[in-house]
Amino acid sequence: MTTSMLTKRVRVTSLALLAGAGLAAGGTAHAQDKGTVNLSYVEWASTVASTEVMKVVLEQEGYEVDATSLSAAAMWQSVASGDTDAFLAGWLPATHEDYYAKLKDELDDLGPNLEGAKLGMVVPEYSDVDSIEDMNDNVDSFNGKITGIDPGAGVMRLTEKTIDEYDLDYDLVSGSGATMTAALKAAIDNDDDIAVTGWTPHWMLARWDLKFLDDPKETYGGAEKIHTIARQGLEDDMPGAYAILDAFEWSSDDMNEVMLMQEEGDDPAAAAEKWVDENPDKVEEWLDN
């Protein structure tokens, strides 16, 4: 993720508007002194949005930032082992409960950066099915499959559990976030039924009329929170970066703004930079600690 000279100038200009040209120039001049923050993330729209926003903020504060795309399991392990410094995508208490239970003593949980997240099975609003309990009565309509994302994702584990608990006669098809939304779009364009592994925040819920199927057995769990997870020792090594990561908190609406800009064609880095420039008060709250 090499930063162009033009982007650097934009970021310096943004800092100048917020803190004065002299402070911005000083922060840029000492960027190398603050070191490099290594973030890990998964290629989910929500995680890309939060990671890119944090990357912009940390770079404006004088840090170099490297961001590495990994599977969910590798993301957790990379921070536990100290190979990366932090990630912003710890879905708890249910989605990533296995990773957290195994690695919690090797991690620093900084708490939620977003509340009110949710996972479940999602279908188009026009579907006649309203509950997971009714899926077996409509196997042919859904071609006997549930379209999922990458195999290591927590929502995939919970969907496998859901298939077992409800004794569904369906196959769970793995892929990626992009292939899942592409399949969803194709089905909706043809008014076909489709069931996908879904979660909120996600731009697809703003783009199309969708619904979460009722889950009377609560196999997907209840409300989720997205946590920031850091490696042990980061607070001592980079107290300034740690403080920003610790203070980072935003809403589903904030995240959806960035995701929609990305989906509508903006480069993820450009979308994040635009959001940061348009929300100086919120960003200042993360920095004023």
Protein backbone atom coordinates (compact mmCIF):
# COMPACT_ATOMS: atom_id res chain seq x y z
CA MET A 1 0.00 0.00 0.00
CA THR A 2 2.52 2.61 -1.17
CA THR A 3 1.40 6.17 -0.55
CA SER A 4 1.72 8.49 -3.51
CA MET A 5 3.23 11.94 -3.21
CA LEU A 6 -0.16 13.43 -4.08
CA THR A 7 -1.83 11.52 -1.25
CA LYS A 8 0.89 12.64 1.15
CA ARG A 9 0.25 16.26 0.18
CA VAL A 10 -3.49 15.81 0.72
CA ARG A 11 -2.87 14.35 4.17
CA VAL A 12 -0.51 17.15 5.10
CA THR A 13 -3.07 19.69 3.91
CA SER A 14 -5.76 18.03 6.01
CA LEU A 15 -3.54 18.19 9.07
CA ALA A 16 -2.81 21.82 8.43
CA LEU A 17 -6.50 22.64 8.45
CA LEU A 18 -6.92 20.83 11.76
CA ALA A 19 -3.78 21.67 13.64
CA GLY A 20 -1.99 24.46 11.78
CA ALA A 21 0.56 24.25 9.00
CA GLY A 22 3.52 24.39 11.36
CA LEU A 23 2.40 21.40 13.44
CA ALA A 24 1.53 19.41 10.33
CA ALA A 25 4.92 20.03 8.80
CA GLY A 26 6.61 19.09 12.05
CA GLY A 27 4.65 15.84 12.30
CA THR A 28 5.60 14.90 8.75
CA ALA A 29 9.23 15.73 9.30
CA HIS A 30 9.44 13.34 12.24
CA ALA A 31 7.40 10.50 10.69
CA GLN A 32 10.36 8.16 10.66
CA ASP A 33 11.01 8.79 14.36
CA LYS A 34 7.68 7.24 15.38
CA GLY A 35 8.23 3.90 13.68
CA THR A 36 5.98 1.51 11.79
CA VAL A 37 2.64 0.13 12.95
CA ASN A 38 1.80 -3.24 11.40
CA LEU A 39 -1.95 -3.82 11.08
CA SER A 40 -3.54 -7.08 9.97
CA TYR A 41 -7.02 -7.44 8.51
CA VAL A 42 -9.36 -9.73 6.58
CA GLU A 43 -10.77 -8.78 3.17
CA TRP A 44 -14.23 -8.04 4.53
CA ALA A 45 -15.79 -4.71 3.55
CA SER A 46 -16.25 -3.71 7.20
CA THR A 47 -12.70 -4.59 8.18
CA VAL A 48 -11.16 -2.89 5.14
CA ALA A 49 -13.10 0.27 6.06
CA SER A 50 -11.91 0.41 9.67
CA THR A 51 -8.34 -0.56 8.81
CA GLU A 52 -8.02 2.07 6.09
CA VAL A 53 -9.43 4.77 8.37
CA MET A 54 -6.99 3.85 11.13
CA LYS A 55 -4.16 3.80 8.60
CA VAL A 56 -4.96 7.36 7.54
CA VAL A 57 -5.17 8.60 11.13
CA LEU A 58 -1.92 6.96 12.21
CA GLU A 59 -0.08 8.24 9.15
CA GLN A 60 -1.32 11.75 9.80
CA GLU A 61 0.12 11.42 13.30
CA GLY A 62 3.54 10.58 11.89
CA TYR A 63 3.59 6.77 11.84
CA GLU A 64 4.39 4.54 8.92
CA VAL A 65 1.65 1.91 8.54
CA ASP A 66 1.85 -1.49 6.89
CA ALA A 67 -1.43 -3.40 6.46
CA THR A 68 -1.42 -7.13 5.75
CA SER A 69 -4.42 -9.08 4.45
CA LEU A 70 -4.80 -12.49 6.13
CA SER A 71 -7.41 -15.11 6.87
CA ALA A 72 -9.32 -14.65 10.12
CA ALA A 73 -7.36 -17.39 11.90
CA ALA A 74 -4.01 -16.04 10.67
CA MET A 75 -5.01 -12.49 11.68
CA TRP A 76 -5.57 -13.56 15.29
CA GLN A 77 -2.42 -15.65 15.36
CA SER A 78 -0.26 -12.91 13.84
CA VAL A 79 -1.05 -10.52 16.70
CA ALA A 80 -0.72 -13.22 19.35
CA SER A 81 2.74 -14.08 18.04
CA GLY A 82 3.76 -10.43 17.66
CA ASP A 83 4.17 -10.64 13.89
CA THR A 84 1.67 -7.79 13.54
CA ASP A 85 0.75 -5.11 16.05
CA ALA A 86 -3.05 -4.95 15.99
CA PHE A 87 -6.28 -5.58 14.16
CA LEU A 88 -9.70 -3.93 14.34
CA ALA A 89 -11.91 -6.94 13.58
CA GLY A 90 -12.39 -9.03 16.71
CA TRP A 91 -16.05 -10.06 16.56
CA LEU A 92 -17.08 -11.02 20.09
CA PRO A 93 -18.51 -12.71 22.05
CA ALA A 94 -19.71 -15.35 19.55
CA THR A 95 -18.17 -15.01 16.09
CA HIS A 96 -14.52 -15.29 17.07
CA GLU A 97 -15.02 -16.99 20.42
CA ASP A 98 -12.81 -19.95 19.47
CA TYR A 99 -9.86 -17.75 18.49
CA TYR A 100 -10.29 -15.59 21.58
CA ALA A 101 -10.54 -18.54 23.96
CA LYS A 102 -7.36 -20.05 22.56
CA LEU A 103 -5.26 -16.87 22.37
CA LYS A 104 -6.67 -14.42 24.93
CA ASP A 105 -3.71 -14.81 27.30
CA GLU A 106 -1.34 -13.78 24.49
CA LEU A 107 -3.31 -10.70 23.40
CA ASP A 108 -4.35 -7.28 24.63
CA ASP A 109 -8.09 -6.72 24.14
CA LEU A 110 -8.64 -2.96 23.86
CA GLY A 111 -12.42 -3.34 23.93
CA PRO A 112 -15.13 -2.56 21.37
CA ASN A 113 -14.59 -0.11 18.54
CA LEU A 114 -18.15 -0.68 17.27
CA GLU A 115 -21.30 -1.94 19.00
CA GLY A 116 -24.53 -3.35 17.64
CA ALA A 117 -23.06 -5.75 15.09
CA LYS A 118 -25.05 -8.82 14.09
CA LEU A 119 -24.62 -12.04 12.12
CA GLY A 120 -27.14 -14.37 10.55
CA MET A 121 -28.61 -15.92 7.44
CA VAL A 122 -29.75 -13.26 4.99
CA VAL A 123 -32.21 -13.51 2.10
CA PRO A 124 -33.87 -10.97 -0.22
CA GLU A 125 -36.86 -9.21 1.28
CA TYR A 126 -39.12 -10.69 -1.44
CA SER A 127 -38.36 -14.25 -0.30
CA ASP A 128 -41.30 -16.17 1.16
CA VAL A 129 -39.02 -17.60 3.86
CA ASP A 130 -38.84 -15.67 7.15
CA SER A 131 -37.24 -18.20 9.48
CA ILE A 132 -34.34 -20.63 9.33
CA GLU A 133 -36.81 -23.27 10.51
CA ASP A 134 -38.60 -22.96 7.14
CA MET A 135 -35.53 -23.41 4.94
CA ASN A 136 -36.01 -27.17 4.48
CA ASP A 137 -39.45 -26.50 2.99
CA ASN A 138 -37.80 -24.43 0.26
CA VAL A 139 -34.65 -26.36 -0.66
CA ASP A 140 -35.37 -26.30 -4.38
CA SER A 141 -35.97 -22.55 -4.40
CA PHE A 142 -32.51 -21.98 -2.93
CA ASN A 143 -30.86 -24.72 -5.03
CA GLY A 144 -29.90 -26.49 -1.82
CA LYS A 145 -27.06 -24.11 -1.00
CA ILE A 146 -26.11 -21.26 1.28
CA THR A 147 -23.54 -18.89 -0.19
CA GLY A 148 -20.77 -18.06 2.24
CA ILE A 149 -17.43 -16.28 2.46
CA ASP A 150 -13.90 -17.41 3.37
CA PRO A 151 -13.76 -20.75 5.23
CA GLY A 152 -11.99 -19.39 8.33
CA ALA A 153 -14.58 -16.70 9.06
CA GLY A 154 -16.57 -16.94 12.27
CA VAL A 155 -19.86 -16.53 10.42
CA MET A 156 -19.01 -19.67 8.44
CA ARG A 157 -18.43 -21.65 11.62
CA LEU A 158 -21.73 -20.43 13.01
CA THR A 159 -23.51 -21.26 9.76
CA GLU A 160 -22.14 -24.80 9.88
CA LYS A 161 -23.49 -24.99 13.43
CA THR A 162 -26.83 -23.64 12.19
CA ILE A 163 -27.04 -26.29 9.47
CA ASP A 164 -26.45 -29.00 12.09
CA GLU A 165 -28.82 -27.58 14.73
CA TYR A 166 -31.69 -27.11 12.27
CA ASP A 167 -30.81 -30.28 10.32
CA LEU A 168 -30.83 -28.28 7.09
CA ASP A 169 -30.53 -30.15 3.82
CA TYR A 170 -28.16 -27.52 2.41
CA ASP A 171 -24.52 -27.23 1.37
CA LEU A 172 -22.51 -24.26 2.62
CA VAL A 173 -20.47 -22.89 -0.29
CA SER A 174 -17.31 -21.00 0.69
CA GLY A 175 -15.77 -18.16 -1.28
CA SER A 176 -15.05 -14.57 -0.30
CA GLY A 177 -16.96 -11.46 0.63
CA ALA A 178 -16.76 -10.31 -2.99
CA THR A 179 -18.01 -13.57 -4.49
CA MET A 180 -20.84 -13.68 -1.97
CA THR A 181 -22.12 -10.19 -2.84
CA ALA A 182 -21.68 -10.89 -6.56
CA ALA A 183 -23.87 -13.98 -6.23
CA LEU A 184 -26.38 -11.96 -4.21
CA LYS A 185 -26.56 -9.26 -6.89
CA ALA A 186 -27.01 -11.81 -9.67
CA ALA A 187 -29.86 -13.50 -7.80
CA ILE A 188 -31.63 -10.22 -7.02
CA ASP A 189 -31.29 -9.05 -10.64
CA ASN A 190 -33.21 -12.18 -11.63
CA ASP A 191 -35.66 -12.18 -8.68
CA ASP A 192 -34.27 -15.52 -7.55
CA ASP A 193 -34.08 -16.82 -4.01
CA ILE A 194 -30.64 -16.89 -2.43
CA ALA A 195 -29.42 -17.37 1.14
CA VAL A 196 -26.09 -15.88 2.18
CA THR A 197 -24.00 -15.59 5.31
CA GLY A 198 -24.68 -12.01 6.34
CA TRP A 199 -23.71 -9.48 8.93
CA THR A 200 -24.18 -5.86 9.80
CA PRO A 201 -22.60 -3.36 9.36
CA HIS A 202 -22.36 -4.16 5.65
CA TRP A 203 -23.03 -2.04 2.59
CA MET A 204 -25.23 -4.75 1.02
CA LEU A 205 -27.97 -3.99 3.57
CA ALA A 206 -28.05 -0.39 2.36
CA ARG A 207 -27.87 -1.35 -1.32
CA TRP A 208 -30.64 -3.98 -1.46
CA ASP A 209 -33.84 -4.85 0.42
CA LEU A 210 -32.68 -7.78 2.54
CA LYS A 211 -33.76 -9.46 5.76
CA PHE A 212 -32.18 -11.62 8.42
CA LEU A 213 -34.06 -14.89 8.87
CA ASP A 214 -35.46 -15.50 12.34
CA ASP A 215 -33.18 -17.74 14.36
CA PRO A 216 -35.32 -19.21 17.18
CA LYS A 217 -32.49 -21.52 18.31
CA GLU A 218 -30.11 -18.53 18.44
CA THR A 219 -27.34 -20.45 16.71
CA TYR A 220 -25.87 -17.18 15.46
CA GLY A 221 -25.86 -15.65 18.93
CA GLY A 222 -27.12 -12.20 19.87
CA ALA A 223 -25.68 -8.74 19.39
CA GLU A 224 -21.98 -8.64 18.64
CA LYS A 225 -19.29 -6.06 19.27
CA ILE A 226 -16.23 -5.51 17.12
CA HIS A 227 -13.08 -5.28 19.27
CA THR A 228 -9.64 -3.82 18.69
CA ILE A 229 -7.00 -6.43 19.52
CA ALA A 230 -3.32 -5.55 20.03
CA ARG A 231 -0.18 -7.52 20.68
CA GLN A 232 1.20 -7.59 24.18
CA GLY A 233 3.98 -5.04 24.58
CA LEU A 234 2.64 -2.55 22.03
CA GLU A 235 1.70 -0.08 24.76
CA ASP A 236 5.31 0.01 25.94
CA ASP A 237 6.83 0.05 22.47
CA MET A 238 4.53 2.63 20.86
CA PRO A 239 2.41 4.33 23.53
CA GLY A 240 1.11 6.99 21.14
CA ALA A 241 -0.11 4.53 18.51
CA TYR A 242 -1.52 2.28 21.24
CA ALA A 243 -3.50 5.20 22.69
CA ILE A 244 -5.04 5.99 19.29
CA LEU A 245 -5.98 2.36 18.72
CA ASP A 246 -7.42 2.18 22.23
CA ALA A 247 -9.51 5.33 21.71
CA PHE A 248 -10.82 4.33 18.28
CA GLU A 249 -14.59 3.96 18.36
CA TRP A 250 -17.24 4.70 15.75
CA SER A 251 -20.79 3.77 14.75
CA SER A 252 -22.36 1.51 12.16
CA ASP A 253 -23.43 4.63 10.25
CA ASP A 254 -19.81 5.83 10.16
CA MET A 255 -18.59 2.49 8.86
CA ASN A 256 -21.40 2.26 6.31
CA GLU A 257 -20.40 5.65 4.87
CA VAL A 258 -16.91 4.39 4.15
CA MET A 259 -18.11 1.02 2.82
CA LEU A 260 -20.61 2.65 0.46
CA MET A 261 -17.95 4.99 -0.92
CA GLN A 262 -15.76 1.96 -1.55
CA GLU A 263 -18.56 0.03 -3.20
CA GLU A 264 -19.49 2.98 -5.41
CA GLY A 265 -16.02 3.01 -6.90
CA ASP A 266 -13.74 4.92 -4.57
CA ASP A 267 -10.39 3.36 -3.80
CA PRO A 268 -10.52 2.12 -0.16
CA ALA A 269 -7.68 4.44 0.85
CA ALA A 270 -9.32 7.42 -0.85
CA ALA A 271 -12.69 6.64 0.75
CA ALA A 272 -11.07 6.45 4.19
CA GLU A 273 -9.17 9.69 3.66
CA LYS A 274 -12.34 11.46 2.55
CA TRP A 275 -14.21 10.25 5.65
CA VAL A 276 -11.37 11.36 7.96
CA ASP A 277 -11.27 14.80 6.31
CA GLU A 278 -15.05 15.18 6.71
CA ASN A 279 -15.16 14.05 10.37
CA PRO A 280 -12.44 16.06 12.16
CA ASP A 281 -14.32 16.24 15.46
CA LYS A 282 -14.66 12.47 15.72
CA VAL A 283 -11.03 11.92 14.75
CA GLU A 284 -9.93 14.51 17.32
CA GLU A 285 -11.68 12.46 20.02
CA TRP A 286 -9.39 9.53 19.18
CA LEU A 287 -6.33 11.75 19.33
CA ASP A 288 -7.27 13.67 22.50
CA ASN A 289 -6.25 11.03 25.01
